[in-house]
Amino acid sequence: MPSGKIALVANNGGGGYADGNVDTVSVIDLEQNPPRVIDHVVVWDAPKGFAISPKGDLAFAILVAGNSDKKAFFYRKAGAVVPLKIDGKKVTKVSDAIEVGGLPEGVAFSPDGAYAYVGNFLDSDISILK
């Protein structure tokens, strides 16, 4: 986090894989002694990681989104990103998941924070979000 006041951690109960269950991002207050979790934000199934914009006001959690077992009830062909608004120590989900390509593996923001780039492993391409 650019401010150094909080940290975000993706929690995936499926061992790194989608399992059809709701998962969260934890908000950790780094100003407490010792640091502690102060909130959980529901992001959906299988958050693989995230990136925080250089301005520190937005994060994107990337979701594997169930594209490993085509017979599973939670199967989805495409992955997704969930936008998270950061306001001080308060983190909230801005909208529903935004679909990207298959099996998103990473996300990064442009230096000015205007764009986010999501690398999609199965599709061998990059989704560009403004």
C-alpha atoms as a PDB file:
ATOM      1  CA  MET A   1       0.000   0.000   0.000  1.00  0.00           C
ATOM      2  CA  PRO A   2       1.485   3.365  -0.901  1.00  0.00           C
ATOM      3  CA  SER A   3       0.393   4.916   2.420  1.00  0.00           C
ATOM      4  CA  GLY A   4       1.966   2.130   4.482  1.00  0.00           C
ATOM      5  CA  LYS A   5      -1.084   2.121   6.791  1.00  0.00           C
ATOM      6  CA  ILE A   6      -2.736  -1.076   5.547  1.00  0.00           C
ATOM      7  CA  ALA A   7      -1.875  -4.272   3.719  1.00  0.00           C
ATOM      8  CA  LEU A   8      -4.186  -6.464   1.645  1.00  0.00           C
ATOM      9  CA  VAL A   9      -3.994 -10.261   1.543  1.00  0.00           C
ATOM     10  CA  ALA A  10      -5.930 -12.588  -0.775  1.00  0.00           C
ATOM     11  CA  ASN A  11      -7.440 -15.562   1.094  1.00  0.00           C
ATOM     12  CA  ASN A  12      -8.065 -18.662  -0.983  1.00  0.00           C
ATOM     13  CA  GLY A  13      -9.483 -21.647   0.860  1.00  0.00           C
ATOM     14  CA  GLY A  14      -9.090 -23.942  -2.142  1.00  0.00           C
ATOM     15  CA  GLY A  15      -5.313 -24.264  -2.056  1.00  0.00           C
ATOM     16  CA  GLY A  16      -4.911 -21.863  -4.965  1.00  0.00           C
ATOM     17  CA  TYR A  17      -7.759 -23.348  -6.988  1.00  0.00           C
ATOM     18  CA  ALA A  18     -11.387 -22.446  -7.435  1.00  0.00           C
ATOM     19  CA  ASP A  19     -13.749 -24.593  -5.368  1.00  0.00           C
ATOM     20  CA  GLY A  20     -17.102 -22.812  -5.670  1.00  0.00           C
ATOM     21  CA  ASN A  21     -16.874 -21.189  -2.228  1.00  0.00           C
ATOM     22  CA  VAL A  22     -16.790 -17.498  -1.375  1.00  0.00           C
ATOM     23  CA  ASP A  23     -13.310 -16.167  -0.599  1.00  0.00           C
ATOM     24  CA  THR A  24     -12.079 -12.854   0.760  1.00  0.00           C
ATOM     25  CA  VAL A  25      -9.369 -10.220   0.821  1.00  0.00           C
ATOM     26  CA  SER A  26      -8.232  -9.319   4.353  1.00  0.00           C
ATOM     27  CA  VAL A  27      -7.430  -5.739   5.316  1.00  0.00           C
ATOM     28  CA  ILE A  28      -4.539  -5.567   7.795  1.00  0.00           C
ATOM     29  CA  ASP A  29      -3.967  -2.444   9.900  1.00  0.00           C
ATOM     30  CA  LEU A  30      -0.194  -1.965   9.922  1.00  0.00           C
ATOM     31  CA  GLU A  31      -0.369   0.899  12.432  1.00  0.00           C
ATOM     32  CA  GLN A  32      -1.536  -1.415  15.221  1.00  0.00           C
ATOM     33  CA  ASN A  33       1.015  -3.109  17.458  1.00  0.00           C
ATOM     34  CA  PRO A  34       0.940  -5.931  16.579  1.00  0.00           C
ATOM     35  CA  PRO A  35      -0.624  -5.496  13.098  1.00  0.00           C
ATOM     36  CA  ARG A  36      -4.049  -7.126  12.851  1.00  0.00           C
ATOM     37  CA  VAL A  37      -6.853  -7.913  10.443  1.00  0.00           C
ATOM     38  CA  ILE A  38      -9.538  -5.235  10.684  1.00  0.00           C
ATOM     39  CA  ASP A  39     -11.863  -6.302   7.865  1.00  0.00           C
ATOM     40  CA  HIS A  40     -12.614  -8.927   5.229  1.00  0.00           C
ATOM     41  CA  VAL A  41     -13.990  -8.050   1.781  1.00  0.00           C
ATOM     42  CA  VAL A  42     -15.854 -10.793  -0.093  1.00  0.00           C
ATOM     43  CA  VAL A  43     -14.500 -11.024  -3.640  1.00  0.00           C
ATOM     44  CA  TRP A  44     -15.925 -14.386  -4.795  1.00  0.00           C
ATOM     45  CA  ASP A  45     -14.131 -17.623  -5.627  1.00  0.00           C
ATOM     46  CA  ALA A  46     -10.356 -18.118  -5.851  1.00  0.00           C
ATOM     47  CA  PRO A  47      -8.575 -14.777  -5.544  1.00  0.00           C
ATOM     48  CA  LYS A  48      -5.121 -15.480  -6.930  1.00  0.00           C
ATOM     49  CA  GLY A  49      -3.598 -12.124  -6.090  1.00  0.00           C
ATOM     50  CA  PHE A  50      -4.050  -8.446  -6.671  1.00  0.00           C
ATOM     51  CA  ALA A  51      -2.408  -5.157  -7.547  1.00  0.00           C
ATOM     52  CA  ILE A  52      -2.826  -1.723  -5.990  1.00  0.00           C
ATOM     53  CA  SER A  53      -2.826   1.394  -8.151  1.00  0.00           C
ATOM     54  CA  PRO A  54       0.085   3.815  -7.717  1.00  0.00           C
ATOM     55  CA  LYS A  55      -2.371   6.366  -6.298  1.00  0.00           C
ATOM     56  CA  GLY A  56      -3.361   3.879  -3.580  1.00  0.00           C
ATOM     57  CA  ASP A  57      -7.108   4.376  -4.074  1.00  0.00           C
ATOM     58  CA  LEU A  58      -7.947   1.270  -6.118  1.00  0.00           C
ATOM     59  CA  ALA A  59      -6.973  -2.398  -6.139  1.00  0.00           C
ATOM     60  CA  PHE A  60      -7.898  -5.233  -8.481  1.00  0.00           C
ATOM     61  CA  ALA A  61      -8.187  -8.745  -7.048  1.00  0.00           C
ATOM     62  CA  ILE A  62      -7.785 -11.371  -9.766  1.00  0.00           C
ATOM     63  CA  LEU A  63     -10.000 -14.442  -9.640  1.00  0.00           C
ATOM     64  CA  VAL A  64      -9.106 -17.785 -11.168  1.00  0.00           C
ATOM     65  CA  ALA A  65     -12.908 -18.231 -11.336  1.00  0.00           C
ATOM     66  CA  GLY A  66     -13.272 -21.978 -11.657  1.00  0.00           C
ATOM     67  CA  ASN A  67     -11.735 -22.744 -15.003  1.00  0.00           C
ATOM     68  CA  SER A  68      -9.872 -25.910 -14.046  1.00  0.00           C
ATOM     69  CA  ASP A  69     -12.546 -28.644 -14.068  1.00  0.00           C
ATOM     70  CA  LYS A  70     -15.146 -28.258 -16.827  1.00  0.00           C
ATOM     71  CA  LYS A  71     -17.520 -30.671 -15.058  1.00  0.00           C
ATOM     72  CA  ALA A  72     -17.551 -28.726 -11.769  1.00  0.00           C
ATOM     73  CA  PHE A  73     -20.698 -26.789 -10.844  1.00  0.00           C
ATOM     74  CA  PHE A  74     -18.599 -23.621 -10.447  1.00  0.00           C
ATOM     75  CA  TYR A  75     -16.843 -23.880 -13.827  1.00  0.00           C
ATOM     76  CA  ARG A  76     -16.374 -20.646 -15.762  1.00  0.00           C
ATOM     77  CA  LYS A  77     -14.373 -20.353 -18.949  1.00  0.00           C
ATOM     78  CA  ALA A  78     -13.078 -16.871 -18.141  1.00  0.00           C
ATOM     79  CA  GLY A  79     -11.389 -15.433 -15.088  1.00  0.00           C
ATOM     80  CA  ALA A  80     -12.248 -12.084 -13.582  1.00  0.00           C
ATOM     81  CA  VAL A  81     -11.014  -9.097 -11.619  1.00  0.00           C
ATOM     82  CA  VAL A  82     -12.845  -7.438  -8.733  1.00  0.00           C
ATOM     83  CA  PRO A  83     -12.278  -3.693  -8.276  1.00  0.00           C
ATOM     84  CA  LEU A  84     -11.741  -2.608  -4.653  1.00  0.00           C
ATOM     85  CA  LYS A  85     -11.954   1.034  -3.543  1.00  0.00           C
ATOM     86  CA  ILE A  86      -9.439   2.042  -0.886  1.00  0.00           C
ATOM     87  CA  ASP A  87     -10.351   5.016   1.322  1.00  0.00           C
ATOM     88  CA  GLY A  88      -7.922   5.281   4.223  1.00  0.00           C
ATOM     89  CA  LYS A  89      -8.324   1.989   6.066  1.00  0.00           C
ATOM     90  CA  LYS A  90     -11.731   1.201   4.539  1.00  0.00           C
ATOM     91  CA  VAL A  91     -11.743  -1.180   1.558  1.00  0.00           C
ATOM     92  CA  THR A  92     -14.993  -1.852  -0.332  1.00  0.00           C
ATOM     93  CA  LYS A  93     -15.970  -3.772  -3.451  1.00  0.00           C
ATOM     94  CA  VAL A  94     -16.787  -1.251  -6.204  1.00  0.00           C
ATOM     95  CA  SER A  95     -18.729  -3.557  -8.524  1.00  0.00           C
ATOM     96  CA  ASP A  96     -19.239  -7.157  -9.502  1.00  0.00           C
ATOM     97  CA  ALA A  97     -16.386  -9.066 -11.083  1.00  0.00           C
ATOM     98  CA  ILE A  98     -15.203  -7.900 -14.504  1.00  0.00           C
ATOM     99  CA  GLU A  99     -14.628 -10.791 -16.890  1.00  0.00           C
ATOM    100  CA  VAL A 100     -11.143 -11.140 -18.398  1.00  0.00           C
ATOM    101  CA  GLY A 101      -9.463 -14.076 -20.168  1.00  0.00           C
ATOM    102  CA  GLY A 102      -8.902 -17.646 -19.100  1.00  0.00           C
ATOM    103  CA  LEU A 103      -6.868 -18.278 -15.945  1.00  0.00           C
ATOM    104  CA  PRO A 104      -5.636 -14.767 -15.107  1.00  0.00           C
ATOM    105  CA  GLU A 105      -2.206 -15.085 -13.517  1.00  0.00           C
ATOM    106  CA  GLY A 106      -1.235 -11.513 -12.743  1.00  0.00           C
ATOM    107  CA  VAL A 107      -2.312  -7.887 -12.791  1.00  0.00           C
ATOM    108  CA  ALA A 108      -0.343  -4.633 -12.861  1.00  0.00           C
ATOM    109  CA  PHE A 109      -1.227  -0.951 -13.127  1.00  0.00           C
ATOM    110  CA  SER A 110       0.331   1.588 -15.476  1.00  0.00           C
ATOM    111  CA  PRO A 111       2.590   4.114 -13.678  1.00  0.00           C
ATOM    112  CA  ASP A 112      -0.172   6.763 -13.728  1.00  0.00           C
ATOM    113  CA  GLY A 113      -2.844   4.282 -12.544  1.00  0.00           C
ATOM    114  CA  ALA A 114      -5.051   4.913 -15.584  1.00  0.00           C
ATOM    115  CA  TYR A 115      -4.843   1.334 -16.901  1.00  0.00           C
ATOM    116  CA  ALA A 116      -4.585  -2.162 -15.494  1.00  0.00           C
ATOM    117  CA  TYR A 117      -3.085  -5.070 -17.412  1.00  0.00           C
ATOM    118  CA  VAL A 118      -4.183  -8.641 -16.673  1.00  0.00           C
ATOM    119  CA  GLY A 119      -2.155 -11.572 -18.006  1.00  0.00           C
ATOM    120  CA  ASN A 120      -4.399 -14.472 -19.079  1.00  0.00           C
ATOM    121  CA  PHE A 121      -2.487 -17.765 -19.134  1.00  0.00           C
ATOM    122  CA  LEU A 122      -4.935 -19.999 -21.027  1.00  0.00           C
ATOM    123  CA  ASP A 123      -5.674 -17.403 -23.703  1.00  0.00           C
ATOM    124  CA  SER A 124      -2.043 -16.264 -23.982  1.00  0.00           C
ATOM    125  CA  ASP A 125      -3.127 -12.642 -24.026  1.00  0.00           C
ATOM    126  CA  ILE A 126      -3.500  -9.521 -21.895  1.00  0.00           C
ATOM    127  CA  SER A 127      -6.744  -7.802 -20.904  1.00  0.00           C
ATOM    128  CA  ILE A 128      -6.408  -4.011 -20.703  1.00  0.00           C
ATOM    129  CA  LEU A 129      -8.780  -2.223 -18.315  1.00  0.00           C
ATOM    130  CA  LYS A 130      -9.256   1.545 -18.062  1.00  0.00           C
END
